Amino acid sequence: MTDIKRVGVLGCGLMGSGIAQVAAMAGYDTVVRDVAQPIWDKARGGIEKIWT
């Protein structure tokens, strides 16, 4: 089996941002994409709140 080196998440809604957060906190290089900038901004703000 191949080791996972990077996690990609498409969509930053509640579930997508949660998956991205858990992957990043587990130490994976995490890439997140969403089609709408306001959704990405909200997701990033929520994740940053937990990290600080």
N, C-alpha and C. Protein backbone atom coordinates (compact mmCIF):
# COMPACT_ATOMS: atom_id res chain seq x y z
N MET A 1 0.84 -1.17 0.00
CA MET A 1 0.00 0.00 0.00
C MET A 1 0.89 1.24 0.00
N THR A 2 0.45 2.29 -0.68
CA THR A 2 1.21 3.53 -0.79
C THR A 2 0.92 4.43 0.41
N ASP A 3 1.95 5.08 0.91
CA ASP A 3 1.76 6.04 2.00
C ASP A 3 1.10 7.30 1.47
N ILE A 4 0.16 7.84 2.23
CA ILE A 4 -0.51 9.08 1.85
C ILE A 4 0.41 10.24 2.19
N LYS A 5 0.64 11.12 1.21
CA LYS A 5 1.52 12.26 1.42
C LYS A 5 0.75 13.58 1.38
N ARG A 6 -0.35 13.62 0.64
CA ARG A 6 -1.12 14.84 0.47
C ARG A 6 -2.60 14.51 0.41
N VAL A 7 -3.41 15.37 0.99
CA VAL A 7 -4.87 15.21 0.97
C VAL A 7 -5.47 16.38 0.21
N GLY A 8 -6.35 16.11 -0.71
CA GLY A 8 -7.06 17.14 -1.44
C GLY A 8 -8.54 17.11 -1.08
N VAL A 9 -9.10 18.28 -0.82
CA VAL A 9 -10.52 18.39 -0.46
C VAL A 9 -11.19 19.35 -1.44
N LEU A 10 -12.23 18.89 -2.10
CA LEU A 10 -12.98 19.72 -3.02
C LEU A 10 -14.29 20.11 -2.37
N GLY A 11 -14.44 21.38 -2.09
CA GLY A 11 -15.63 21.88 -1.42
C GLY A 11 -15.33 22.18 0.03
N CYS A 12 -15.64 23.40 0.46
CA CYS A 12 -15.31 23.85 1.81
C CYS A 12 -16.54 24.09 2.67
N GLY A 13 -17.58 23.34 2.42
CA GLY A 13 -18.74 23.45 3.29
C GLY A 13 -18.40 22.88 4.66
N LEU A 14 -19.38 22.63 5.45
CA LEU A 14 -19.16 22.13 6.81
C LEU A 14 -18.36 20.83 6.80
N MET A 15 -18.73 19.90 5.97
CA MET A 15 -18.04 18.61 5.93
C MET A 15 -16.64 18.74 5.34
N GLY A 16 -16.52 19.46 4.21
CA GLY A 16 -15.22 19.61 3.57
C GLY A 16 -14.21 20.32 4.44
N SER A 17 -14.64 21.39 5.11
CA SER A 17 -13.71 22.11 5.98
C SER A 17 -13.31 21.25 7.18
N GLY A 18 -14.23 20.44 7.67
CA GLY A 18 -13.90 19.53 8.77
C GLY A 18 -12.89 18.47 8.36
N ILE A 19 -13.06 17.92 7.17
CA ILE A 19 -12.11 16.93 6.66
C ILE A 19 -10.75 17.57 6.48
N ALA A 20 -10.71 18.78 5.92
CA ALA A 20 -9.44 19.48 5.71
C ALA A 20 -8.76 19.76 7.04
N GLN A 21 -9.53 20.17 8.02
CA GLN A 21 -8.98 20.48 9.34
C GLN A 21 -8.36 19.24 9.98
N VAL A 22 -9.07 18.14 9.96
CA VAL A 22 -8.58 16.90 10.57
C VAL A 22 -7.33 16.41 9.84
N ALA A 23 -7.33 16.48 8.51
CA ALA A 23 -6.16 16.04 7.74
C ALA A 23 -4.95 16.91 8.07
N ALA A 24 -5.13 18.22 8.13
CA ALA A 24 -4.02 19.12 8.43
C ALA A 24 -3.51 18.91 9.85
N MET A 25 -4.42 18.73 10.79
CA MET A 25 -4.02 18.52 12.18
C MET A 25 -3.29 17.19 12.36
N ALA A 26 -3.56 16.24 11.46
CA ALA A 26 -2.88 14.94 11.50
C ALA A 26 -1.51 15.01 10.85
N GLY A 27 -1.18 16.18 10.27
CA GLY A 27 0.14 16.37 9.70
C GLY A 27 0.25 16.17 8.20
N TYR A 28 -0.88 15.98 7.53
CA TYR A 28 -0.85 15.81 6.08
C TYR A 28 -0.79 17.16 5.38
N ASP A 29 -0.06 17.23 4.28
CA ASP A 29 -0.07 18.39 3.41
C ASP A 29 -1.48 18.43 2.82
N THR A 30 -2.23 19.48 3.08
CA THR A 30 -3.65 19.51 2.72
C THR A 30 -3.94 20.65 1.75
N VAL A 31 -4.60 20.32 0.64
CA VAL A 31 -4.98 21.29 -0.38
C VAL A 31 -6.50 21.35 -0.41
N VAL A 32 -7.04 22.57 -0.37
CA VAL A 32 -8.50 22.74 -0.34
C VAL A 32 -8.91 23.66 -1.49
N ARG A 33 -9.99 23.31 -2.16
CA ARG A 33 -10.52 24.13 -3.26
C ARG A 33 -12.03 24.25 -3.12
N ASP A 34 -12.53 25.42 -3.49
CA ASP A 34 -13.97 25.64 -3.55
C ASP A 34 -14.24 26.59 -4.71
N VAL A 35 -15.42 26.54 -5.29
CA VAL A 35 -15.74 27.39 -6.44
C VAL A 35 -16.13 28.81 -6.02
N ALA A 36 -16.48 29.00 -4.76
CA ALA A 36 -16.93 30.31 -4.29
C ALA A 36 -15.98 30.85 -3.21
N GLN A 37 -15.40 32.01 -3.47
CA GLN A 37 -14.46 32.61 -2.53
C GLN A 37 -15.07 32.86 -1.14
N PRO A 38 -16.33 33.34 -1.03
CA PRO A 38 -16.89 33.54 0.31
C PRO A 38 -16.98 32.26 1.15
N ILE A 39 -17.25 31.14 0.50
CA ILE A 39 -17.31 29.87 1.24
C ILE A 39 -15.92 29.50 1.75
N TRP A 40 -14.91 29.68 0.90
CA TRP A 40 -13.53 29.39 1.30
C TRP A 40 -13.11 30.31 2.45
N ASP A 41 -13.44 31.59 2.37
CA ASP A 41 -13.08 32.54 3.42
C ASP A 41 -13.70 32.14 4.76
N LYS A 42 -14.97 31.74 4.74
CA LYS A 42 -15.65 31.33 5.96
C LYS A 42 -15.01 30.06 6.54
N ALA A 43 -14.72 29.09 5.68
CA ALA A 43 -14.11 27.83 6.13
C ALA A 43 -12.73 28.10 6.72
N ARG A 44 -11.94 28.90 6.05
CA ARG A 44 -10.59 29.20 6.54
C ARG A 44 -10.64 29.91 7.89
N GLY A 45 -11.58 30.86 8.03
CA GLY A 45 -11.73 31.56 9.31
C GLY A 45 -12.07 30.59 10.44
N GLY A 46 -12.95 29.63 10.17
CA GLY A 46 -13.32 28.65 11.19
C GLY A 46 -12.17 27.75 11.57
N ILE A 47 -11.39 27.33 10.58
CA ILE A 47 -10.24 26.47 10.86
C ILE A 47 -9.18 27.24 11.62
N GLU A 48 -8.91 28.47 11.23
CA GLU A 48 -7.90 29.29 11.93
C GLU A 48 -8.29 29.55 13.38
N LYS A 49 -9.57 29.68 13.65
CA LYS A 49 -10.05 29.91 15.02
C LYS A 49 -9.67 28.75 15.92
N ILE A 50 -9.78 27.55 15.40
CA ILE A 50 -9.48 26.35 16.18
C ILE A 50 -7.98 26.19 16.40
N TRP A 51 -7.18 26.59 15.40
CA TRP A 51 -5.72 26.43 15.48
C TRP A 51 -5.05 27.45 16.39
N THR A 52 -5.70 28.59 16.63
CA THR A 52 -5.05 29.64 17.44
C THR A 52 -5.54 29.64 18.86
